[in-house]
């Protein structure tokens, strides 16, 4: 975002709006239409130039129909819409992303379980699973027994995965007498990923509104 005016010079930045509701949507719509905004505590609006990229985790058409999103703001933002399906609908990306986050090879059984899982948390959940495996893996490749229990339960494995009770655990040491700092020693230390397979981006076609 660029602020115009010789006194302020040129500034770049980002504006992020989360669950602001329809009041925040009205403010954003006005700013986009007028190309100006009123900073908090100011009495003179500031003009700006901006290229706007917006993202939503829900269907804006449904949100408009339910009265949760302004239709005029949707049309203001809907210039070049891009649709990225959830991770469960593009299984070809799951292994690329997992190996990118972990840097580890994956056995055939573990690959099948990763691809069969629904991934309700999408890429964030996949990244967290990769970090979990780095902390508790048994050797240099990812086996089915290294995956979190929820993935094992949803998979079609043969039951050979290690039960939860036999998995590595974090042993918390006693609090030192000097200060309030406590130590936690992992029974299986995570190792830094080496190499890895770069993810291939999902093919998204843009269509002008």
N, C-alpha and C. Protein backbone atom coordinates (compact mmCIF):
# COMPACT_ATOMS: atom_id res chain seq x y z
N UNK A 1 0.85 -1.19 0.00
CA UNK A 1 0.00 0.00 0.00
C UNK A 1 0.88 1.24 0.00
N UNK A 2 0.61 2.17 -0.86
CA UNK A 2 1.37 3.41 -0.94
C UNK A 2 0.50 4.57 -0.47
N UNK A 3 1.04 5.36 0.44
CA UNK A 3 0.35 6.57 0.89
C UNK A 3 0.84 7.75 0.08
N UNK A 4 -0.08 8.52 -0.48
CA UNK A 4 0.29 9.67 -1.29
C UNK A 4 0.42 10.90 -0.42
N UNK A 5 1.24 11.83 -0.86
CA UNK A 5 1.41 13.08 -0.11
C UNK A 5 2.86 13.31 0.21
N UNK A 6 3.34 14.55 -0.01
CA UNK A 6 4.75 14.84 0.19
C UNK A 6 5.15 14.77 1.65
N UNK A 7 4.22 15.08 2.58
CA UNK A 7 4.56 15.06 4.00
C UNK A 7 4.81 13.64 4.48
N UNK A 8 4.03 12.70 3.99
CA UNK A 8 4.16 11.32 4.44
C UNK A 8 5.13 10.52 3.58
N UNK A 9 5.39 10.98 2.37
CA UNK A 9 6.24 10.22 1.49
C UNK A 9 5.53 8.97 1.00
N UNK A 10 6.30 7.98 0.63
CA UNK A 10 5.75 6.73 0.12
C UNK A 10 6.02 5.63 1.13
N UNK A 11 4.97 4.94 1.54
CA UNK A 11 5.12 3.85 2.50
C UNK A 11 4.45 2.60 1.94
N UNK A 12 5.04 1.48 2.25
CA UNK A 12 4.48 0.20 1.82
C UNK A 12 4.08 -0.59 3.06
N UNK A 13 3.00 -1.35 2.95
CA UNK A 13 2.57 -2.14 4.09
C UNK A 13 1.43 -3.05 3.71
N UNK A 14 0.87 -3.70 4.71
CA UNK A 14 -0.20 -4.66 4.49
C UNK A 14 -1.36 -4.36 5.44
N UNK A 15 -2.55 -4.60 4.99
CA UNK A 15 -3.74 -4.46 5.83
C UNK A 15 -4.42 -5.82 5.87
N UNK A 16 -4.61 -6.35 7.07
CA UNK A 16 -5.20 -7.67 7.24
C UNK A 16 -6.49 -7.53 8.02
N UNK A 17 -7.58 -8.06 7.48
CA UNK A 17 -8.87 -8.02 8.15
C UNK A 17 -9.38 -9.44 8.32
N UNK A 18 -9.61 -9.86 9.56
CA UNK A 18 -10.08 -11.21 9.83
C UNK A 18 -11.59 -11.24 9.99
N UNK A 19 -12.05 -11.55 11.18
CA UNK A 19 -13.48 -11.64 11.45
C UNK A 19 -14.02 -10.29 11.89
N UNK A 20 -13.92 -9.31 11.04
CA UNK A 20 -14.34 -7.97 11.41
C UNK A 20 -15.83 -7.72 11.29
N UNK A 21 -16.55 -8.63 10.64
CA UNK A 21 -17.99 -8.44 10.52
C UNK A 21 -18.34 -7.43 9.44
N UNK A 22 -19.62 -7.15 9.32
CA UNK A 22 -20.10 -6.27 8.25
C UNK A 22 -19.66 -4.83 8.46
N UNK A 23 -19.41 -4.42 9.70
CA UNK A 23 -18.93 -3.05 9.93
C UNK A 23 -17.55 -2.87 9.31
N UNK A 24 -16.66 -3.82 9.55
CA UNK A 24 -15.33 -3.75 8.95
C UNK A 24 -15.41 -3.87 7.43
N UNK A 25 -16.35 -4.66 6.94
CA UNK A 25 -16.52 -4.79 5.50
C UNK A 25 -16.93 -3.47 4.87
N UNK A 26 -17.80 -2.73 5.55
CA UNK A 26 -18.22 -1.42 5.04
C UNK A 26 -17.04 -0.46 4.99
N UNK A 27 -16.19 -0.50 6.02
CA UNK A 27 -15.01 0.36 6.04
C UNK A 27 -14.06 0.01 4.89
N UNK A 28 -13.87 -1.29 4.68
CA UNK A 28 -12.98 -1.72 3.61
C UNK A 28 -13.54 -1.34 2.25
N UNK A 29 -14.85 -1.51 2.06
CA UNK A 29 -15.46 -1.14 0.78
C UNK A 29 -15.29 0.34 0.50
N UNK A 30 -15.50 1.17 1.49
CA UNK A 30 -15.34 2.61 1.30
C UNK A 30 -13.90 2.96 0.95
N UNK A 31 -12.95 2.32 1.64
CA UNK A 31 -11.54 2.59 1.36
C UNK A 31 -11.19 2.20 -0.07
N UNK A 32 -11.71 1.08 -0.54
CA UNK A 32 -11.40 0.64 -1.89
C UNK A 32 -12.06 1.54 -2.93
N UNK A 33 -13.25 2.02 -2.65
CA UNK A 33 -13.95 2.88 -3.59
C UNK A 33 -13.33 4.28 -3.66
N UNK A 34 -13.04 4.85 -2.49
CA UNK A 34 -12.55 6.23 -2.43
C UNK A 34 -11.03 6.33 -2.52
N UNK A 35 -10.34 5.18 -2.38
CA UNK A 35 -8.88 5.17 -2.38
C UNK A 35 -8.32 6.07 -1.28
N UNK A 36 -8.96 6.04 -0.13
CA UNK A 36 -8.47 6.78 1.01
C UNK A 36 -9.00 6.14 2.29
N UNK A 37 -8.31 6.39 3.39
CA UNK A 37 -8.75 5.86 4.68
C UNK A 37 -8.41 6.89 5.76
N UNK A 38 -9.06 6.76 6.89
CA UNK A 38 -8.86 7.69 8.00
C UNK A 38 -8.14 6.95 9.12
N UNK A 39 -6.86 7.27 9.35
CA UNK A 39 -6.12 6.60 10.43
C UNK A 39 -6.76 6.88 11.79
N UNK A 40 -6.55 5.99 12.73
CA UNK A 40 -7.10 6.13 14.06
C UNK A 40 -6.56 7.40 14.72
N UNK A 41 -7.47 8.27 15.16
CA UNK A 41 -7.09 9.51 15.81
C UNK A 41 -6.84 10.67 14.87
N UNK A 42 -6.88 10.41 13.55
CA UNK A 42 -6.63 11.48 12.58
C UNK A 42 -7.94 12.16 12.19
N UNK A 43 -7.82 13.35 11.65
CA UNK A 43 -8.98 14.10 11.17
C UNK A 43 -8.95 14.31 9.67
N UNK A 44 -7.82 14.02 9.05
CA UNK A 44 -7.67 14.19 7.61
C UNK A 44 -7.44 12.81 6.98
N UNK A 45 -8.24 12.41 6.01
CA UNK A 45 -8.04 11.10 5.38
C UNK A 45 -6.75 11.06 4.58
N UNK A 46 -6.21 9.87 4.44
CA UNK A 46 -4.97 9.64 3.72
C UNK A 46 -5.29 8.87 2.45
N UNK A 47 -4.85 9.37 1.33
CA UNK A 47 -5.06 8.69 0.05
C UNK A 47 -3.97 7.65 -0.15
N UNK A 48 -4.31 6.61 -0.89
CA UNK A 48 -3.35 5.52 -1.10
C UNK A 48 -3.59 4.88 -2.46
N UNK A 49 -2.56 4.17 -2.91
CA UNK A 49 -2.65 3.32 -4.10
C UNK A 49 -2.31 1.91 -3.65
N UNK A 50 -3.09 0.94 -4.08
CA UNK A 50 -2.87 -0.42 -3.59
C UNK A 50 -3.32 -1.45 -4.61
N UNK A 51 -2.60 -2.55 -4.66
CA UNK A 51 -3.05 -3.75 -5.34
C UNK A 51 -3.55 -4.71 -4.27
N UNK A 52 -4.80 -5.10 -4.36
CA UNK A 52 -5.45 -5.86 -3.30
C UNK A 52 -5.51 -7.34 -3.68
N UNK A 53 -5.00 -8.18 -2.78
CA UNK A 53 -5.13 -9.63 -2.90
C UNK A 53 -5.89 -10.11 -1.67
N UNK A 54 -7.03 -10.72 -1.88
CA UNK A 54 -7.86 -11.19 -0.77
C UNK A 54 -8.01 -12.71 -0.85
N UNK A 55 -8.18 -13.33 0.31
CA UNK A 55 -8.35 -14.78 0.38
C UNK A 55 -9.45 -15.10 1.38
N UNK A 56 -10.18 -16.16 1.11
CA UNK A 56 -11.27 -16.58 1.99
C UNK A 56 -11.26 -18.10 2.09
N UNK A 57 -11.52 -18.60 3.29
CA UNK A 57 -11.57 -20.04 3.52
C UNK A 57 -12.96 -20.61 3.31
N UNK A 58 -13.93 -19.75 3.00
CA UNK A 58 -15.30 -20.19 2.75
C UNK A 58 -15.75 -19.64 1.40
N UNK A 59 -16.85 -20.16 0.90
CA UNK A 59 -17.42 -19.67 -0.35
C UNK A 59 -18.06 -18.31 -0.12
N UNK A 60 -17.59 -17.29 -0.83
CA UNK A 60 -18.18 -15.97 -0.67
C UNK A 60 -19.60 -15.92 -1.19
N UNK A 61 -19.90 -16.74 -2.20
CA UNK A 61 -21.28 -16.79 -2.69
C UNK A 61 -22.23 -17.26 -1.59
N UNK A 62 -21.81 -18.30 -0.86
CA UNK A 62 -22.64 -18.79 0.24
C UNK A 62 -22.71 -17.77 1.37
N UNK A 63 -21.57 -17.10 1.65
CA UNK A 63 -21.56 -16.11 2.72
C UNK A 63 -22.49 -14.94 2.39
N UNK A 64 -22.53 -14.54 1.11
CA UNK A 64 -23.45 -13.47 0.70
C UNK A 64 -24.89 -13.93 0.85
N UNK A 65 -25.19 -15.16 0.43
CA UNK A 65 -26.55 -15.68 0.54
C UNK A 65 -27.01 -15.79 1.99
N UNK A 66 -26.07 -16.03 2.90
CA UNK A 66 -26.40 -16.15 4.32
C UNK A 66 -26.36 -14.81 5.05
N UNK A 67 -26.03 -13.74 4.34
CA UNK A 67 -25.99 -12.42 4.95
C UNK A 67 -24.76 -12.14 5.78
N UNK A 68 -23.71 -12.94 5.62
CA UNK A 68 -22.48 -12.76 6.40
C UNK A 68 -21.42 -11.95 5.66
N UNK A 69 -21.65 -11.69 4.37
CA UNK A 69 -20.67 -10.93 3.58
C UNK A 69 -21.42 -10.01 2.63
N UNK A 70 -20.92 -8.80 2.50
CA UNK A 70 -21.57 -7.81 1.64
C UNK A 70 -21.39 -8.18 0.16
N UNK A 71 -22.49 -8.14 -0.57
CA UNK A 71 -22.42 -8.49 -1.99
C UNK A 71 -21.65 -7.43 -2.77
N UNK A 72 -21.81 -6.15 -2.42
CA UNK A 72 -21.09 -5.11 -3.15
C UNK A 72 -19.59 -5.21 -2.92
N UNK A 73 -19.16 -5.62 -1.72
CA UNK A 73 -17.74 -5.81 -1.47
C UNK A 73 -17.21 -7.01 -2.24
N UNK A 74 -18.01 -8.04 -2.32
CA UNK A 74 -17.59 -9.21 -3.09
C UNK A 74 -17.36 -8.85 -4.55
N UNK A 75 -18.27 -8.07 -5.16
CA UNK A 75 -18.09 -7.67 -6.55
C UNK A 75 -16.89 -6.73 -6.70
N UNK A 76 -16.60 -5.93 -5.69
CA UNK A 76 -15.45 -5.03 -5.73
C UNK A 76 -14.15 -5.82 -5.74
N UNK A 77 -14.12 -6.93 -4.99
CA UNK A 77 -12.89 -7.73 -4.89
C UNK A 77 -12.78 -8.77 -5.99
N UNK A 78 -13.88 -9.15 -6.60
CA UNK A 78 -13.92 -10.29 -7.51
C UNK A 78 -13.50 -9.87 -8.92
N UNK A 79 -12.20 -9.64 -9.10
CA UNK A 79 -11.67 -9.25 -10.41
C UNK A 79 -11.09 -10.46 -11.12
N UNK A 80 -10.11 -11.11 -10.51
CA UNK A 80 -9.51 -12.32 -11.07
C UNK A 80 -9.62 -13.41 -10.00
N UNK A 81 -10.71 -14.16 -9.97
CA UNK A 81 -10.87 -15.18 -8.92
C UNK A 81 -10.01 -16.42 -9.20
N UNK A 82 -9.41 -16.94 -8.16
CA UNK A 82 -8.64 -18.17 -8.22
C UNK A 82 -9.25 -19.15 -7.22
N UNK A 83 -9.41 -20.39 -7.62
CA UNK A 83 -9.97 -21.40 -6.74
C UNK A 83 -8.93 -22.48 -6.49
N UNK A 84 -8.57 -22.68 -5.21
CA UNK A 84 -7.62 -23.71 -4.83
C UNK A 84 -8.36 -24.77 -4.02
N UNK A 85 -8.51 -25.98 -4.54
CA UNK A 85 -9.26 -27.02 -3.82
C UNK A 85 -8.57 -27.37 -2.51
N UNK A 86 -9.31 -27.91 -1.54
CA UNK A 86 -8.69 -28.36 -0.29
C UNK A 86 -7.70 -29.50 -0.56
N UNK A 87 -6.82 -29.71 0.39
CA UNK A 87 -5.74 -30.68 0.20
C UNK A 87 -6.27 -32.08 -0.07
N UNK A 88 -7.39 -32.46 0.52
CA UNK A 88 -7.93 -33.81 0.33
C UNK A 88 -8.36 -34.05 -1.12
N UNK A 89 -8.59 -32.98 -1.88
CA UNK A 89 -9.00 -33.12 -3.27
C UNK A 89 -7.83 -33.06 -4.25
N UNK A 90 -6.63 -32.91 -3.75
CA UNK A 90 -5.44 -32.92 -4.62
C UNK A 90 -4.37 -33.80 -3.97
N UNK A 91 -4.60 -35.10 -3.92
CA UNK A 91 -3.66 -36.01 -3.25
C UNK A 91 -2.28 -36.00 -3.87
N UNK A 92 -2.16 -35.57 -5.12
CA UNK A 92 -0.84 -35.53 -5.75
C UNK A 92 0.08 -34.53 -5.06
N UNK A 93 -0.48 -33.58 -4.31
CA UNK A 93 0.34 -32.59 -3.62
C UNK A 93 0.75 -33.02 -2.22
N UNK A 94 0.08 -34.03 -1.66
CA UNK A 94 0.31 -34.38 -0.26
C UNK A 94 1.74 -34.83 -0.03
N UNK A 95 2.24 -35.76 -0.83
CA UNK A 95 3.58 -36.29 -0.61
C UNK A 95 4.65 -35.26 -0.94
N UNK A 96 4.44 -34.45 -1.99
CA UNK A 96 5.40 -33.39 -2.30
C UNK A 96 5.55 -32.44 -1.12
N UNK A 97 4.42 -32.01 -0.57
CA UNK A 97 4.46 -31.07 0.54
C UNK A 97 5.04 -31.71 1.80
N UNK A 98 4.66 -32.96 2.07
CA UNK A 98 5.18 -33.62 3.27
C UNK A 98 6.69 -33.77 3.20
N UNK A 99 7.21 -34.19 2.05
CA UNK A 99 8.66 -34.34 1.91
C UNK A 99 9.35 -32.99 1.92
N UNK A 100 8.68 -31.96 1.44
CA UNK A 100 9.26 -30.62 1.50
C UNK A 100 9.39 -30.16 2.95
N UNK A 101 8.37 -30.39 3.77
CA UNK A 101 8.40 -29.96 5.17
C UNK A 101 9.33 -30.81 6.02
N UNK A 102 9.46 -32.10 5.70
CA UNK A 102 10.24 -33.00 6.55
C UNK A 102 11.63 -33.31 6.01
N UNK A 103 11.78 -33.31 4.69
CA UNK A 103 13.06 -33.67 4.10
C UNK A 103 13.37 -35.15 4.22
N UNK A 104 12.35 -35.99 4.43
CA UNK A 104 12.55 -37.42 4.67
C UNK A 104 11.88 -38.26 3.59
N UNK A 105 12.43 -39.46 3.38
CA UNK A 105 11.78 -40.42 2.51
C UNK A 105 10.62 -41.07 3.27
N UNK A 106 9.62 -41.54 2.53
CA UNK A 106 8.41 -42.10 3.14
C UNK A 106 8.19 -43.50 2.59
N UNK A 107 7.92 -44.46 3.49
CA UNK A 107 7.66 -45.82 3.06
C UNK A 107 6.31 -45.90 2.35
N UNK A 108 6.11 -47.00 1.63
CA UNK A 108 4.87 -47.16 0.86
C UNK A 108 3.65 -47.17 1.77
N UNK A 109 3.73 -47.84 2.93
CA UNK A 109 2.58 -47.89 3.84
C UNK A 109 2.27 -46.51 4.40
N UNK A 110 3.31 -45.76 4.76
CA UNK A 110 3.09 -44.41 5.28
C UNK A 110 2.54 -43.50 4.20
N UNK A 111 3.01 -43.67 2.95
CA UNK A 111 2.47 -42.86 1.85
C UNK A 111 0.98 -43.11 1.67
N UNK A 112 0.58 -44.37 1.74
CA UNK A 112 -0.83 -44.70 1.57
C UNK A 112 -1.68 -44.06 2.67
N UNK A 113 -1.17 -44.08 3.91
CA UNK A 113 -1.93 -43.49 5.02
C UNK A 113 -2.01 -41.98 4.90
N UNK A 114 -0.93 -41.35 4.46
CA UNK A 114 -0.96 -39.90 4.28
C UNK A 114 -1.96 -39.51 3.20
N UNK A 115 -2.01 -40.28 2.13
CA UNK A 115 -2.91 -39.93 1.02
C UNK A 115 -4.37 -40.28 1.33
N UNK A 116 -4.60 -41.26 2.21
CA UNK A 116 -5.97 -41.65 2.56
C UNK A 116 -6.58 -40.72 3.59
N UNK A 117 -5.76 -39.99 4.32
CA UNK A 117 -6.27 -39.11 5.38
C UNK A 117 -6.98 -37.91 4.76
N UNK A 118 -8.03 -37.42 5.42
CA UNK A 118 -8.87 -36.35 4.85
C UNK A 118 -8.26 -34.96 4.99
N UNK A 119 -7.32 -34.74 5.90
CA UNK A 119 -6.66 -33.45 6.11
C UNK A 119 -7.65 -32.31 6.29
N UNK A 120 -8.46 -32.35 7.36
CA UNK A 120 -9.39 -31.24 7.60
C UNK A 120 -8.70 -29.92 7.87
N UNK A 121 -7.45 -29.97 8.36
CA UNK A 121 -6.70 -28.74 8.62
C UNK A 121 -5.85 -28.29 7.45
N UNK A 122 -5.98 -28.98 6.30
CA UNK A 122 -5.26 -28.61 5.07
C UNK A 122 -3.75 -28.55 5.28
N UNK A 123 -3.07 -27.61 4.63
CA UNK A 123 -1.61 -27.60 4.61
C UNK A 123 -1.03 -27.34 6.00
N UNK A 124 -1.71 -26.54 6.82
CA UNK A 124 -1.19 -26.30 8.18
C UNK A 124 -1.10 -27.61 8.96
N UNK A 125 -2.13 -28.43 8.86
CA UNK A 125 -2.12 -29.71 9.56
C UNK A 125 -1.03 -30.62 9.02
N UNK A 126 -0.85 -30.63 7.70
CA UNK A 126 0.20 -31.44 7.10
C UNK A 126 1.58 -31.01 7.59
N UNK A 127 1.81 -29.71 7.69
CA UNK A 127 3.10 -29.22 8.18
C UNK A 127 3.32 -29.63 9.63
N UNK A 128 2.27 -29.56 10.45
CA UNK A 128 2.40 -29.97 11.85
C UNK A 128 2.70 -31.46 11.97
N UNK A 129 2.09 -32.27 11.12
CA UNK A 129 2.38 -33.70 11.12
C UNK A 129 3.83 -33.95 10.74
N UNK A 130 4.35 -33.21 9.77
CA UNK A 130 5.76 -33.35 9.40
C UNK A 130 6.67 -33.01 10.57
N UNK A 131 6.34 -31.95 11.32
CA UNK A 131 7.14 -31.59 12.49
C UNK A 131 7.03 -32.66 13.58
N UNK A 132 5.85 -33.24 13.74
CA UNK A 132 5.67 -34.33 14.71
C UNK A 132 6.57 -35.51 14.35
N UNK A 133 6.59 -35.86 13.08
CA UNK A 133 7.40 -37.00 12.64
C UNK A 133 8.89 -36.71 12.85
N UNK A 134 9.32 -35.48 12.60
CA UNK A 134 10.72 -35.13 12.81
C UNK A 134 11.11 -35.32 14.28
N UNK A 135 10.18 -35.08 15.18
CA UNK A 135 10.49 -35.19 16.61
C UNK A 135 10.50 -36.63 17.09
N UNK A 136 9.67 -37.50 16.50
CA UNK A 136 9.49 -38.83 17.06
C UNK A 136 9.82 -39.97 16.10
N UNK A 137 10.41 -39.69 14.96
CA UNK A 137 10.70 -40.77 14.02
C UNK A 137 11.76 -41.71 14.61
N UNK A 138 11.77 -42.94 14.10
CA UNK A 138 12.66 -43.97 14.62
C UNK A 138 13.94 -44.09 13.81
N UNK A 139 13.92 -43.73 12.52
CA UNK A 139 15.12 -43.83 11.70
C UNK A 139 15.07 -42.78 10.61
N UNK A 140 15.84 -43.00 9.55
CA UNK A 140 15.98 -41.97 8.52
C UNK A 140 14.85 -41.88 7.53
N UNK A 141 13.85 -42.74 7.62
CA UNK A 141 12.69 -42.65 6.74
C UNK A 141 11.42 -42.72 7.57
N UNK A 142 10.34 -42.22 7.00
CA UNK A 142 9.08 -42.16 7.71
C UNK A 142 8.33 -43.47 7.51
N UNK A 143 8.03 -44.14 8.62
CA UNK A 143 7.24 -45.36 8.59
C UNK A 143 5.83 -45.07 9.10
N UNK A 144 4.93 -46.00 8.88
CA UNK A 144 3.55 -45.80 9.34
C UNK A 144 3.50 -45.62 10.85
N UNK A 145 4.37 -46.31 11.58
CA UNK A 145 4.37 -46.20 13.04
C UNK A 145 4.78 -44.82 13.53
N UNK A 146 5.41 -44.02 12.67
CA UNK A 146 5.84 -42.68 13.06
C UNK A 146 4.72 -41.65 12.96
N UNK A 147 3.63 -41.97 12.32
CA UNK A 147 2.55 -41.00 12.09
C UNK A 147 1.68 -40.85 13.32
N UNK A 148 1.02 -39.70 13.47
CA UNK A 148 0.12 -39.50 14.61
C UNK A 148 -1.02 -40.53 14.63
N UNK A 149 -1.56 -40.76 15.81
CA UNK A 149 -2.58 -41.79 15.99
C UNK A 149 -3.82 -41.53 15.15
N UNK A 150 -4.22 -40.27 14.96
CA UNK A 150 -5.44 -39.99 14.21
C UNK A 150 -5.31 -40.43 12.75
N UNK A 151 -4.09 -40.36 12.21
CA UNK A 151 -3.87 -40.80 10.83
C UNK A 151 -3.88 -42.31 10.76
N UNK A 152 -3.31 -42.96 11.78
CA UNK A 152 -3.32 -44.43 11.81
C UNK A 152 -4.75 -44.96 11.92
N UNK A 153 -5.58 -44.29 12.71
CA UNK A 153 -6.96 -44.74 12.87
C UNK A 153 -7.75 -44.61 11.58
N UNK A 154 -7.44 -43.57 10.79
CA UNK A 154 -8.20 -43.34 9.56
C UNK A 154 -7.66 -44.13 8.38
N UNK A 155 -6.46 -44.70 8.52
CA UNK A 155 -5.83 -45.40 7.41
C UNK A 155 -6.35 -46.81 7.23
N UNK A 156 -5.81 -47.48 6.23
CA UNK A 156 -6.20 -48.85 5.91
C UNK A 156 -5.04 -49.79 6.16
N UNK A 157 -4.24 -49.50 7.17
CA UNK A 157 -3.05 -50.30 7.44
C UNK A 157 -3.39 -51.70 7.90
N UNK A 158 -2.33 -52.53 8.05
CA UNK A 158 -2.53 -53.93 8.42
C UNK A 158 -2.44 -54.14 9.92
N UNK A 159 -2.40 -53.03 10.70
CA UNK A 159 -2.35 -53.17 12.14
C UNK A 159 -0.96 -53.33 12.69
N UNK A 160 0.08 -53.23 11.84
CA UNK A 160 1.45 -53.42 12.29
C UNK A 160 2.04 -52.19 12.92
N UNK A 161 1.32 -51.06 12.88
CA UNK A 161 1.86 -49.84 13.45
C UNK A 161 1.98 -49.98 14.96
N UNK A 162 2.99 -49.32 15.50
CA UNK A 162 3.23 -49.40 16.93
C UNK A 162 2.11 -48.74 17.70
N UNK A 163 1.66 -49.34 18.82
CA UNK A 163 0.62 -48.69 19.62
C UNK A 163 1.12 -47.42 20.25
N UNK A 164 0.17 -46.58 20.69
CA UNK A 164 0.53 -45.29 21.24
C UNK A 164 1.42 -45.43 22.45
N UNK A 165 1.18 -46.47 23.29
CA UNK A 165 1.95 -46.61 24.52
C UNK A 165 3.42 -46.85 24.26
N UNK A 166 3.77 -47.42 23.09
CA UNK A 166 5.16 -47.73 22.78
C UNK A 166 5.88 -46.60 22.07
N UNK A 167 5.22 -45.47 21.86
CA UNK A 167 5.83 -44.38 21.13
C UNK A 167 6.73 -43.55 22.03
N UNK A 168 7.70 -42.82 21.44
CA UNK A 168 8.57 -41.97 22.24
C UNK A 168 7.77 -40.91 22.97
N UNK A 169 8.24 -40.54 24.12
CA UNK A 169 7.59 -39.52 24.92
C UNK A 169 8.61 -38.49 25.36
N UNK A 170 8.14 -37.30 25.70
CA UNK A 170 9.00 -36.27 26.26
C UNK A 170 9.07 -36.45 27.76
N UNK A 171 10.29 -36.59 28.30
CA UNK A 171 10.45 -36.69 29.74
C UNK A 171 10.83 -35.33 30.29
N UNK A 172 10.00 -34.80 31.17
CA UNK A 172 10.20 -33.46 31.70
C UNK A 172 11.09 -33.54 32.92
N UNK A 173 12.20 -32.84 32.89
CA UNK A 173 13.14 -32.85 34.01
C UNK A 173 12.66 -31.99 35.15
N UNK A 174 13.34 -32.10 36.28
CA UNK A 174 12.97 -31.32 37.46
C UNK A 174 13.35 -29.86 37.26
N UNK A 175 12.59 -28.98 37.91
CA UNK A 175 12.87 -27.56 37.83
C UNK A 175 14.14 -27.24 38.61
N UNK A 176 15.04 -26.54 37.99
CA UNK A 176 16.30 -26.21 38.65
C UNK A 176 16.06 -25.22 39.77
N UNK A 177 16.92 -25.32 40.78
CA UNK A 177 16.76 -24.45 41.94
C UNK A 177 17.16 -23.02 41.65
N UNK A 178 18.00 -22.82 40.64
CA UNK A 178 18.43 -21.47 40.30
C UNK A 178 17.48 -20.91 39.26
N UNK A 179 16.58 -20.03 39.70
CA UNK A 179 15.61 -19.44 38.79
C UNK A 179 14.43 -20.37 38.62
N UNK A 180 13.55 -19.97 37.69
CA UNK A 180 12.32 -20.72 37.47
C UNK A 180 12.34 -21.52 36.18
N UNK A 181 13.51 -21.66 35.60
CA UNK A 181 13.61 -22.33 34.32
C UNK A 181 13.58 -23.84 34.51
N UNK A 182 12.78 -24.52 33.73
CA UNK A 182 12.71 -25.98 33.78
C UNK A 182 13.22 -26.54 32.47
N UNK A 183 13.63 -27.78 32.49
CA UNK A 183 14.18 -28.41 31.30
C UNK A 183 13.31 -29.57 30.88
N UNK A 184 13.22 -29.79 29.60
CA UNK A 184 12.51 -30.95 29.07
C UNK A 184 13.43 -31.65 28.09
N UNK A 185 13.66 -32.94 28.31
CA UNK A 185 14.59 -33.69 27.48
C UNK A 185 13.81 -34.66 26.62
N UNK A 186 13.83 -34.49 25.30
CA UNK A 186 13.11 -35.44 24.45
C UNK A 186 13.85 -36.75 24.38
N UNK A 187 13.12 -37.85 24.44
CA UNK A 187 13.75 -39.16 24.34
C UNK A 187 14.20 -39.45 22.92
N UNK A 188 13.66 -38.73 21.97
CA UNK A 188 14.09 -38.85 20.58
C UNK A 188 14.22 -37.46 20.02
N UNK A 189 15.42 -36.99 19.83
CA UNK A 189 15.65 -35.61 19.42
C UNK A 189 15.32 -35.43 17.94
N UNK A 190 14.70 -34.29 17.59
CA UNK A 190 14.44 -34.03 16.17
C UNK A 190 15.72 -33.70 15.45
N UNK A 191 15.82 -34.05 14.23
CA UNK A 191 16.99 -33.72 13.43
C UNK A 191 16.58 -32.74 12.35
N UNK A 192 17.51 -31.92 11.95
CA UNK A 192 17.23 -30.92 10.92
C UNK A 192 17.05 -31.59 9.58
N UNK A 193 16.01 -31.25 8.85
CA UNK A 193 15.80 -31.88 7.54
C UNK A 193 16.92 -31.53 6.58
N UNK A 194 17.33 -32.53 5.83
CA UNK A 194 18.39 -32.33 4.85
C UNK A 194 17.82 -32.60 3.48
N UNK A 195 18.06 -31.70 2.56
CA UNK A 195 17.56 -31.88 1.21
C UNK A 195 16.06 -31.75 1.17
N UNK A 196 15.41 -32.71 0.56
CA UNK A 196 13.95 -32.66 0.48
C UNK A 196 13.50 -32.45 -0.95
N UNK A 197 12.26 -32.72 -1.19
CA UNK A 197 11.68 -32.56 -2.52
C UNK A 197 10.88 -31.28 -2.56
N UNK A 198 11.20 -30.41 -3.49
CA UNK A 198 10.47 -29.15 -3.59
C UNK A 198 9.05 -29.42 -4.06
N UNK A 199 8.06 -28.77 -3.43
CA UNK A 199 6.68 -29.00 -3.84
C UNK A 199 6.39 -28.43 -5.21
N UNK A 200 5.58 -29.13 -5.97
CA UNK A 200 5.15 -28.62 -7.26
C UNK A 200 3.82 -27.92 -7.08
N UNK A 201 3.70 -26.67 -7.50
CA UNK A 201 2.46 -25.92 -7.25
C UNK A 201 1.28 -26.53 -7.96
N UNK A 202 0.12 -26.44 -7.29
CA UNK A 202 -1.12 -26.93 -7.89
C UNK A 202 -1.48 -26.06 -9.08
N UNK A 203 -1.93 -26.69 -10.13
CA UNK A 203 -2.28 -25.97 -11.36
C UNK A 203 -3.59 -25.22 -11.15
N UNK A 204 -3.50 -23.91 -11.01
CA UNK A 204 -4.68 -23.08 -10.80
C UNK A 204 -4.84 -22.16 -12.00
N UNK A 205 -5.99 -22.20 -12.60
CA UNK A 205 -6.26 -21.33 -13.75
C UNK A 205 -7.06 -20.14 -13.29
N UNK A 206 -6.64 -18.94 -13.72
CA UNK A 206 -7.33 -17.70 -13.34
C UNK A 206 -8.32 -17.33 -14.42
N UNK A 207 -9.48 -16.89 -13.96
CA UNK A 207 -10.50 -16.42 -14.90
C UNK A 207 -10.93 -15.03 -14.49
N UNK A 208 -10.94 -14.12 -15.43
CA UNK A 208 -11.32 -12.75 -15.12
C UNK A 208 -12.80 -12.67 -14.85
N UNK A 209 -13.16 -11.86 -13.79
CA UNK A 209 -14.57 -11.70 -13.45
C UNK A 209 -15.23 -10.80 -14.47
